[in-house]
Amino acid sequence: MKIYVTMKSLAMRKAYLTKKEIHLEGFPTTLRVLLTELVSIQIQEFNATTQTETNMVSFLTNEEIEQKVYAGKVGFRTKYSDQKADLQTAVRVAIQAFEDGLYRVVINEKETLDLDERLGLQEDDQLTFIKLTMLAGRMW
């Protein structure tokens, strides 16, 4: 099954949205199953790369730096450790973050609020993940 995923953060000043095509093995029936499969795909990609696969000399263009500043982190995607990510921990954290309201999931312009409600996903559906930013610090 092919879906398209877009990430958006409310902290971004400019709309640098990119739609990423993702191929799922099946048709997830609930948001919990969908999140588990998406996290699994990301963990597999992360664990497949090694520290030696990064470029010897990395550089960023001005446009890439600007995009990363608005995303909240400027870096070279360098792995400084060969430690593998744990799938079960990552899934638990993703589910907990959703339950805590740290991000929202919109499927075809309709927000999904319940982890265990039937989704009815279809081929070429559009998913948008909106990361909500919490304010930190003191107000005087």
Protein backbone atom coordinates (compact mmCIF):
# COMPACT_ATOMS: atom_id res chain seq x y z
CA MET A 1 0.00 0.00 0.00
CA LYS A 2 1.33 3.43 -0.93
CA ILE A 3 0.59 6.53 1.19
CA TYR A 4 2.01 10.04 1.26
CA VAL A 5 3.24 11.56 4.52
CA THR A 6 3.81 15.26 5.17
CA MET A 7 5.45 16.62 8.33
CA LYS A 8 4.60 20.07 9.68
CA SER A 9 5.74 21.87 12.80
CA LEU A 10 3.87 24.87 14.15
CA ALA A 11 7.26 26.36 15.02
CA MET A 12 8.25 26.61 11.36
CA ARG A 13 8.06 30.14 10.03
CA LYS A 14 8.01 29.07 6.41
CA ALA A 15 6.11 26.16 4.97
CA TYR A 16 8.88 23.77 3.98
CA LEU A 17 6.60 20.82 3.53
CA THR A 18 7.71 17.82 1.60
CA LYS A 19 5.46 14.96 0.75
CA LYS A 20 7.21 11.62 1.21
CA GLU A 21 5.93 8.48 -0.46
CA ILE A 22 5.88 5.50 1.90
CA HIS A 23 5.09 1.90 1.04
CA LEU A 24 3.33 -0.06 3.77
CA GLU A 25 3.19 -3.84 3.83
CA GLY A 26 -0.52 -4.03 4.53
CA PHE A 27 -3.56 -1.90 5.21
CA PRO A 28 -3.31 -0.65 8.84
CA THR A 29 -6.70 -0.83 10.50
CA THR A 30 -6.08 1.59 13.38
CA LEU A 31 -3.86 4.59 14.07
CA ARG A 32 -1.94 2.51 16.61
CA VAL A 33 -1.08 -0.07 13.92
CA LEU A 34 -0.22 2.67 11.42
CA LEU A 35 2.12 4.45 13.85
CA THR A 36 3.78 1.14 14.73
CA GLU A 37 4.43 0.39 11.07
CA LEU A 38 5.72 3.90 10.30
CA VAL A 39 8.05 3.82 13.31
CA SER A 40 9.23 0.37 12.23
CA ILE A 41 10.12 1.68 8.76
CA GLN A 42 12.05 4.61 10.27
CA ILE A 43 13.91 2.34 12.71
CA GLN A 44 14.91 -0.02 9.90
CA GLU A 45 16.27 2.91 7.86
CA PHE A 46 18.13 4.29 10.89
CA ASN A 47 19.64 0.95 11.86
CA ALA A 48 20.65 0.21 8.26
CA THR A 49 23.01 3.19 8.13
CA THR A 50 26.38 3.12 9.82
CA GLN A 51 28.81 5.78 10.87
CA THR A 52 31.09 4.92 7.96
CA GLU A 53 28.36 5.64 5.39
CA THR A 54 28.48 9.38 6.04
CA ASN A 55 30.50 11.62 3.74
CA MET A 56 34.10 12.36 4.62
CA VAL A 57 33.50 16.07 4.00
CA SER A 58 29.95 17.17 4.67
CA PHE A 59 28.60 20.56 3.76
CA LEU A 60 25.22 22.23 3.68
CA THR A 61 23.99 24.79 1.19
CA ASN A 62 22.52 28.04 2.46
CA GLU A 63 19.03 26.80 1.54
CA GLU A 64 19.55 23.56 3.49
CA ILE A 65 20.78 25.50 6.52
CA GLU A 66 17.75 27.79 6.37
CA GLN A 67 15.36 24.83 6.12
CA LYS A 68 17.05 23.08 9.05
CA VAL A 69 16.93 26.26 11.17
CA TYR A 70 13.17 26.45 10.70
CA ALA A 71 12.86 22.73 11.44
CA GLY A 72 14.69 23.29 14.72
CA LYS A 73 18.00 21.48 14.19
CA VAL A 74 20.97 22.08 11.93
CA GLY A 75 23.18 19.05 11.49
CA PHE A 76 24.93 16.82 9.02
CA ARG A 77 22.91 13.65 9.75
CA THR A 78 26.06 12.11 11.16
CA LYS A 79 25.73 9.11 13.43
CA TYR A 80 28.21 9.36 16.27
CA SER A 81 27.44 5.92 17.62
CA ASP A 82 26.88 2.48 16.13
CA GLN A 83 24.17 1.78 18.70
CA LYS A 84 20.99 0.48 17.10
CA ALA A 85 17.58 1.92 17.91
CA ASP A 86 15.14 -0.32 19.77
CA LEU A 87 11.85 -0.79 17.91
CA GLN A 88 9.68 -1.50 20.96
CA THR A 89 10.96 1.56 22.81
CA ALA A 90 10.50 3.80 19.76
CA VAL A 91 6.92 2.58 19.23
CA ARG A 92 6.10 3.09 22.91
CA VAL A 93 7.51 6.65 22.79
CA ALA A 94 5.59 7.49 19.57
CA ILE A 95 2.30 6.23 21.02
CA GLN A 96 2.91 8.06 24.31
CA ALA A 97 3.75 11.29 22.45
CA PHE A 98 0.46 11.05 20.55
CA GLU A 99 -1.48 10.40 23.76
CA ASP A 100 0.27 13.37 25.40
CA GLY A 101 -0.75 15.64 22.51
CA LEU A 102 2.75 16.37 21.21
CA TYR A 103 1.64 15.80 17.63
CA ARG A 104 -1.56 15.42 15.65
CA VAL A 105 -2.37 13.13 12.75
CA VAL A 106 -4.54 14.27 9.86
CA ILE A 107 -5.64 11.77 7.23
CA ASN A 108 -7.09 13.29 4.06
CA GLU A 109 -7.87 16.59 5.85
CA LYS A 110 -9.64 14.83 8.76
CA GLU A 111 -7.95 14.73 12.16
CA THR A 112 -7.68 11.31 13.77
CA LEU A 113 -8.07 11.50 17.55
CA ASP A 114 -8.43 7.88 18.67
CA LEU A 115 -5.58 5.37 18.48
CA ASP A 116 -7.93 2.40 18.22
CA GLU A 117 -10.64 3.75 15.89
CA ARG A 118 -10.94 2.11 12.45
CA LEU A 119 -9.07 4.14 9.82
CA GLY A 120 -10.18 2.80 6.45
CA LEU A 121 -6.93 3.82 4.77
CA GLN A 122 -6.80 3.51 1.01
CA GLU A 123 -4.09 3.61 -1.62
CA ASP A 124 -2.59 7.11 -2.16
CA ASP A 125 -4.10 8.59 1.02
CA GLN A 126 -2.49 11.78 2.36
CA LEU A 127 -1.25 11.78 5.97
CA THR A 128 -0.06 14.91 7.73
CA PHE A 129 1.78 14.86 11.04
CA ILE A 130 1.67 18.18 12.87
CA LYS A 131 4.22 18.55 15.62
CA LEU A 132 2.96 20.85 18.36
CA THR A 133 5.57 22.96 20.10
CA MET A 134 5.50 23.39 23.85
CA LEU A 135 6.71 26.65 25.32
CA ALA A 136 9.44 26.41 27.91
CA GLY A 137 10.75 28.95 30.35
CA ARG A 138 9.25 31.47 32.68
CA MET A 139 6.79 34.22 32.01
CA TRP A 140 7.34 37.39 34.04
